[in-house]
Protein backbone atom coordinates (compact mmCIF):
# COMPACT_ATOMS: atom_id res chain seq x y z
CA MET A 1 134.76 319.23 5.45
CA LYS A 2 136.96 316.13 4.57
CA THR A 3 136.93 315.20 8.17
CA ASN A 4 133.44 315.22 8.61
CA PHE A 5 132.83 313.40 5.59
CA VAL A 6 135.05 310.72 6.72
CA LEU A 7 133.42 310.75 10.12
CA VAL A 8 130.04 310.48 8.47
CA SER A 9 131.29 307.74 5.99
CA ILE A 10 132.54 305.64 9.31
CA LEU A 11 129.29 306.13 11.27
CA MET A 12 127.28 305.09 8.12
CA THR A 13 129.28 301.92 7.89
CA ILE A 14 128.84 301.05 11.32
CA LEU A 15 125.03 301.70 11.23
CA ILE A 16 124.92 299.65 8.09
CA GLY A 17 127.03 296.85 9.61
CA GLY A 18 124.89 296.97 12.85
CA THR A 19 121.73 296.62 10.93
CA PHE A 20 122.85 293.68 8.71
CA GLY A 21 124.32 291.93 12.08
CA LEU A 22 120.77 292.42 13.53
CA PHE A 23 119.41 290.77 10.64
CA LEU A 24 121.54 287.96 10.65
CA ILE A 25 120.95 287.61 14.60
CA ASP A 26 117.44 287.76 14.16
CA ASP A 27 117.44 285.07 11.21
CA ALA A 28 119.68 282.78 13.49
CA PHE A 29 117.23 283.13 16.35
CA ALA A 30 114.30 282.47 14.17
CA GLN A 31 116.12 279.24 12.88
CA ASN A 32 117.16 278.27 16.43
CA LEU A 33 113.24 278.67 17.26
CA TYR A 34 112.20 276.45 14.13
CA VAL A 35 114.52 273.66 15.03
CA SER A 36 113.39 273.59 18.72
CA SER A 37 109.67 273.64 17.58
CA ASP A 38 110.57 270.69 15.12
CA ASP A 39 112.41 268.77 18.13
CA SER A 40 109.39 269.24 20.12
CA GLU A 41 106.97 267.62 17.71
CA ALA A 42 109.14 264.58 17.03
CA TYR A 43 109.45 263.89 21.05
CA LYS A 44 105.88 264.16 21.34
CA LYS A 45 105.38 261.79 18.30
CA GLN A 46 108.05 259.66 19.83
CA LYS A 47 106.29 259.42 23.13
CA GLU A 48 103.01 258.68 21.49
CA LEU A 49 104.80 255.94 19.85
CA GLU A 50 106.37 254.60 22.98
CA GLN A 51 103.12 254.95 24.50
CA LYS A 52 101.13 252.90 21.97
CA LYS A 53 103.85 250.31 21.68
CA ALA A 54 103.65 249.76 25.51
CA GLU A 55 99.82 249.39 24.92
CA LEU A 56 100.10 247.06 22.21
CA GLU A 57 102.62 244.92 24.37
CA ILE A 58 100.26 244.93 27.11
CA HIS A 59 97.43 243.88 24.86
CA ARG A 60 99.83 241.34 23.47
CA LYS A 61 100.55 239.74 26.88
CA ASN A 62 96.73 240.01 27.92
CA LEU A 63 95.90 238.04 24.65
CA GLU A 64 98.36 235.33 25.09
CA ALA A 65 97.20 235.01 28.82
CA LYS A 66 93.91 234.47 27.43
CA GLN A 67 95.12 232.27 24.68
CA LEU A 68 96.83 230.03 27.25
CA LYS A 69 93.95 229.76 29.33
CA LYS A 70 91.66 228.71 26.62
CA LEU A 71 94.42 226.06 25.33
CA LYS A 72 94.65 224.77 28.93
CA GLU A 73 90.82 224.63 29.16
CA TYR A 74 90.69 222.82 25.66
CA GLU A 75 93.19 220.28 26.54
CA GLU A 76 91.78 219.44 29.85
CA LYS A 77 88.47 219.26 28.18
CA LEU A 78 89.89 216.99 25.42
CA LYS A 79 91.67 215.02 28.08
CA GLU A 80 88.32 214.20 29.81
CA ILE A 81 86.68 213.21 26.46
CA LYS A 82 89.61 211.05 25.82
CA GLU A 83 89.20 209.61 29.15
CA LYS A 84 85.47 209.18 28.62
CA SER A 85 85.93 207.48 25.36
CA GLN A 86 88.77 205.25 26.53
CA LYS A 87 86.63 204.11 29.28
CA LYS A 88 83.60 203.43 27.14
CA ILE A 89 85.97 201.37 24.55
CA GLU A 90 87.33 199.32 27.28
CA LYS A 91 83.70 198.74 28.90
CA ASN A 92 82.68 197.65 25.32
CA ILE A 93 85.70 195.44 25.01
CA THR A 94 85.02 193.96 28.28
CA ASP A 95 81.71 193.46 27.53
CA ASP A 96 82.29 191.90 23.87
CA GLN A 97 85.04 189.59 25.35
CA GLU A 98 82.68 188.44 28.27
CA ASN A 99 79.90 187.95 25.81
CA PHE A 100 82.42 186.15 23.12
CA SER A 101 83.81 184.06 25.89
CA GLN A 102 80.27 183.03 26.81
CA LYS A 103 79.12 182.37 23.55
CA SER A 104 82.63 180.61 22.81
CA LYS A 105 82.11 178.44 26.04
CA GLN A 106 78.42 177.74 24.86
CA LEU A 107 79.61 176.51 21.54
CA GLU A 108 82.43 174.38 22.72
CA GLU A 109 79.85 172.59 25.43
CA LYS A 110 77.44 172.21 22.60
CA LEU A 111 80.14 170.55 20.10
CA ILE A 112 81.43 168.36 22.91
CA LYS A 113 77.79 167.43 23.85
CA LYS A 114 77.31 166.71 20.16
CA SER A 115 80.23 164.45 20.01
CA GLU A 116 79.26 162.38 23.07
CA GLU A 117 75.75 162.08 21.60
CA ILE A 118 77.10 160.72 18.26
CA GLN A 119 79.20 158.30 20.17
CA LYS A 120 76.06 157.22 22.27
CA LYS A 121 74.00 156.85 19.01
CA LEU A 122 76.70 154.72 17.51
CA MET A 123 76.85 152.53 20.48
CA THR A 124 73.01 151.88 20.40
CA LYS A 125 73.31 150.52 16.98
CA SER A 126 76.62 149.18 16.87
CA ASP A 127 75.37 146.02 15.19
CA LYS A 128 74.79 148.01 12.04
CA LEU A 129 78.18 149.52 11.99
CA ASP A 130 81.16 148.38 9.74
CA SER A 131 83.62 146.11 11.80
CA ARG A 132 86.37 148.87 11.65
CA THR A 133 84.04 151.63 13.37
CA LYS A 134 82.72 148.90 15.73
CA ASN A 135 86.14 148.29 16.79
CA ILE A 136 87.04 151.79 17.30
CA LEU A 137 83.93 152.33 19.36
CA ASP A 138 84.95 149.26 21.49
CA LYS A 139 88.12 150.92 22.39
CA ILE A 140 86.41 154.10 23.04
CA ASN A 141 84.22 152.10 25.32
CA ASN A 142 87.05 150.38 27.09
CA GLY A 143 89.47 153.20 27.05
CA THR A 144 92.17 151.71 24.81
CA TYR A 145 91.38 154.01 22.01
CA MET A 146 94.22 156.73 22.64
CA GLY A 147 96.57 153.85 23.71
CA GLU A 148 98.96 153.79 26.80
CA LYS A 149 100.74 156.86 28.04
CA THR A 150 104.28 156.86 28.19
CA THR A 151 104.27 159.21 31.04
CA ALA A 152 102.72 159.79 34.47
CA PHE A 153 101.69 163.35 33.75
CA THR A 154 98.20 164.55 32.97
CA TYR A 155 98.43 167.40 30.61
CA VAL A 156 96.02 170.27 30.22
CA GLU A 157 97.76 171.78 27.11
CA THR A 158 95.33 172.07 24.43
CA TYR A 159 95.78 172.69 20.58
CA GLU A 160 93.37 174.51 18.05
CA LEU A 161 93.39 174.01 14.59
CA VAL A 162 91.38 176.79 12.31
CA PHE A 163 91.17 176.07 8.65
CA ASP A 164 92.00 179.48 6.70
CA PHE A 165 92.18 178.49 2.94
CA VAL A 166 91.41 174.82 2.42
CA ASN A 167 90.28 173.92 -1.22
CA ALA A 168 88.36 170.72 -1.63
CA SER A 169 87.96 168.83 -5.07
CA MET A 170 85.76 166.12 -5.43
CA ILE A 171 87.59 162.79 -5.63
CA ASN A 172 85.17 161.44 -8.51
CA ASP A 173 85.45 164.56 -10.35
CA LYS A 174 88.27 166.77 -9.79
CA SER A 175 86.48 169.64 -11.62
CA GLN A 176 84.28 170.03 -9.09
CA THR A 177 85.81 172.24 -6.23
CA SER A 178 84.54 173.82 -3.20
CA SER A 179 86.15 174.84 0.13
CA MET A 180 86.53 173.44 3.73
CA THR A 181 85.98 175.78 6.84
CA GLY A 182 85.87 175.36 10.53
CA LYS A 183 88.05 174.17 13.34
CA MET A 184 89.24 171.31 15.64
CA ASN A 185 90.10 171.46 19.24
CA PHE A 186 92.59 168.89 20.95
CA THR A 187 93.75 168.07 24.09
CA THR A 188 97.38 167.01 24.84
CA TYR A 189 96.93 162.96 25.67
CA ASP A 190 100.87 162.10 25.80
CA LYS A 191 104.04 163.55 24.72
CA SER A 192 107.81 163.04 25.11
CA LYS A 193 110.64 164.95 24.23
CA SER A 194 109.80 164.79 20.31
CA ASN A 195 106.62 163.07 20.14
CA LEU A 196 102.83 164.22 20.80
CA LYS A 197 99.86 162.62 21.02
CA LEU A 198 96.47 164.44 20.90
CA GLU A 199 92.88 163.74 21.76
CA LEU A 200 90.27 165.25 19.84
CA ASP A 201 87.82 167.23 21.85
CA GLU A 202 85.33 168.47 19.52
CA CYS A 203 85.10 169.99 15.82
CA GLU A 204 82.81 171.67 13.48
CA ILE A 205 83.65 171.94 9.70
CA THR A 206 81.74 172.69 6.48
CA VAL A 207 82.50 171.48 3.19
CA ASP A 208 80.51 172.36 0.19
CA GLU A 209 77.64 174.00 2.61
CA ILE A 210 77.41 170.66 4.31
CA THR A 211 78.12 170.92 8.39
CA TYR A 212 79.87 167.80 10.03
CA ASN A 213 80.37 167.44 13.73
CA CYS A 214 83.33 165.15 15.00
CA GLY A 215 82.29 162.14 17.05
CA PHE A 216 85.94 161.08 18.10
CA GLY A 217 89.26 161.30 16.68
CA LYS A 218 93.11 161.72 17.65
CA ALA A 219 96.12 163.09 16.12
CA ARG A 220 99.88 162.37 16.58
CA THR A 221 103.57 163.71 15.17
CA VAL A 222 105.32 162.32 12.66
CA SER A 223 108.46 163.21 10.67
CA SER A 224 107.98 164.53 6.99
CA GLY A 225 111.81 163.93 5.99
CA GLU A 226 114.68 162.22 6.70
CA SER A 227 115.97 164.62 9.64
CA GLY A 228 113.84 162.85 12.20
CA ALA A 229 112.04 166.20 13.11
CA LYS A 230 108.53 165.67 14.13
CA ASP A 231 107.14 168.56 11.93
CA SER A 232 103.96 166.71 10.80
CA LEU A 233 100.66 165.80 12.27
CA VAL A 234 98.49 163.10 11.15
CA ILE A 235 94.73 163.55 12.11
CA VAL A 236 91.81 160.94 12.15
CA ALA A 237 88.38 161.94 12.92
CA PHE A 238 84.83 160.40 12.69
CA LEU A 239 82.46 162.56 11.08
CA GLU A 240 78.57 163.01 11.17
CA ASN A 241 76.54 164.81 8.74
CA ASP A 242 74.76 167.82 11.01
CA VAL A 243 71.54 167.43 8.74
CA LEU A 244 71.57 163.69 7.65
CA GLU A 245 72.56 162.22 11.00
CA GLU A 246 72.74 158.79 9.48
CA VAL A 247 75.60 159.56 7.23
CA HIS A 248 78.97 159.23 8.43
CA THR A 249 82.48 159.76 7.25
CA THR A 250 86.18 159.85 8.04
CA LEU A 251 88.30 162.83 7.97
CA LYS A 252 92.11 162.69 7.68
CA ILE A 253 94.60 165.59 7.51
CA PHE A 254 98.38 165.39 7.00
CA LEU A 255 99.92 168.76 7.84
CA ASN A 256 103.20 169.93 7.92
CA ALA A 257 104.90 172.71 9.98
CA ASP A 258 108.34 174.57 9.63
CA ILE A 259 108.99 173.77 13.12
CA PRO A 260 108.44 170.54 15.41
CA ILE A 261 104.88 170.31 16.24
CA ASN A 262 105.40 170.23 19.87
CA LYS A 263 107.49 173.58 19.68
CA ILE A 264 104.31 175.65 18.02
CA GLU A 265 102.83 178.42 20.12
CA GLN A 266 101.02 179.72 16.85
CA SER A 267 101.78 178.70 13.45
CA ARG A 268 100.65 178.82 9.93
CA VAL A 269 100.80 175.01 8.61
CA SER A 270 99.99 173.31 5.48
CA ILE A 271 97.55 170.72 4.55
CA ILE A 272 98.67 168.22 2.21
CA GLY A 273 97.03 166.51 -0.67
CA PRO A 274 95.70 164.12 -1.77
CA GLN A 275 96.55 162.35 1.14
CA SER A 276 94.30 164.66 3.35
CA LYS A 277 90.50 163.89 2.30
CA ILE A 278 87.12 163.10 3.68
CA SER A 279 86.65 159.59 2.99
CA ASP A 280 85.67 158.68 -0.58
CA SER A 281 84.34 162.43 -1.37
CA TRP A 282 86.86 165.37 -1.16
CA PHE A 283 90.52 165.69 -1.47
CA LEU A 284 91.71 168.31 0.75
CA ASN A 285 94.58 171.03 0.42
CA GLY A 286 95.40 174.55 1.89
CA THR A 287 96.51 176.26 4.99
CA ALA A 288 95.41 176.30 8.58
CA THR A 289 96.59 178.01 11.65
CA LEU A 290 97.80 175.79 14.69
CA SER A 291 97.76 177.23 18.30
CA LYS A 292 98.72 175.97 21.55
CA ILE A 293 96.09 177.39 23.92
CA ILE A 294 97.58 176.45 27.27
CA SER A 295 100.85 175.18 27.99
CA THR A 296 101.01 174.16 31.67
CA SER A 297 100.69 170.52 33.28
CA GLU A 298 100.07 169.08 36.64
CA LYS A 299 101.92 165.82 37.39
CA THR A 300 99.61 162.74 38.44
CA ILE A 301 101.50 160.08 40.57
CA THR A 302 100.12 156.77 39.28
CA GLY A 303 103.05 154.52 39.80
CA ASN A 304 103.22 153.58 35.96
CA ASN A 305 106.08 154.59 33.94
CA SER A 306 105.85 152.25 31.05
CA THR A 307 107.45 153.28 27.66
CA ILE A 308 105.19 153.02 24.49
CA ILE A 309 106.06 154.00 21.11
CA LEU A 310 103.75 156.89 20.60
CA GLU A 311 103.24 156.06 16.90
CA ASP A 312 100.97 153.29 18.26
CA GLY A 313 97.22 153.99 18.07
CA ILE A 314 97.17 155.80 14.85
CA SER A 315 97.71 154.12 11.66
CA THR A 316 98.45 156.21 8.52
CA SER A 317 96.76 153.48 6.39
CA ASP A 318 93.47 154.55 7.85
CA LYS A 319 90.84 155.04 5.29
């Protein structure tokens, strides 16, 4: 009896243990199936993400290629526009320069012609002129007005004096003020190491809304101090009123520079008053710009190499 009970107890224990083991095995298997199922879903999602990422990368590269193509087209178009614009600007500049050059040439020819006309008119009525003006006209007529040359060179240097800011005060009433504008053109007549003598070609100046033309004139370098440097220029010119042609006057200008006049290419110069004036009408002072336009020369063999002091020909006491 006891033996059977023991056997039955052992058998029951085995059965219960086996059943519990099966439950554990089934649970473990179910968990393994669940994990495997999760891994499969994650794998699919990962694959989908990788595929989308690859598609986005392809799309990005395509977009970059399109943008680069459009940028290149834009740059080429911009370059074409710039080239057309530059050509148009250059053409306009060329046209403007040609027009300006033509107008400038016409103006210079007009002013030179005006100077010649003034001289001719004065010649025809020389008996009515004062002795000093008549004497100058005689010198112009016989070719001695500019004096003898110190060298055998024919110079083609030209100088331009442009009046930038020149004040004019009436000699008889200094409270009455105005301004002087315009320019003067000179040709080099003679020069040496430090001296320079210029012949006035033409000029047109305006003072107090009255325009004057130059009949003739000249200029020479002088020293402003004890150094001996010829850093100043004395200009004397005969003017005619552009409207009242019977009214004539004399212009005298003293100007100073920071360097010797014959070294100037382009420089601001000072017009010194009260030495600078228009006859008995205006005292002048202010600033101007002196420029050398051409700096070449041609030697002409004349057989004459006389030495004359450049100061001869223009007196600083001219009124």
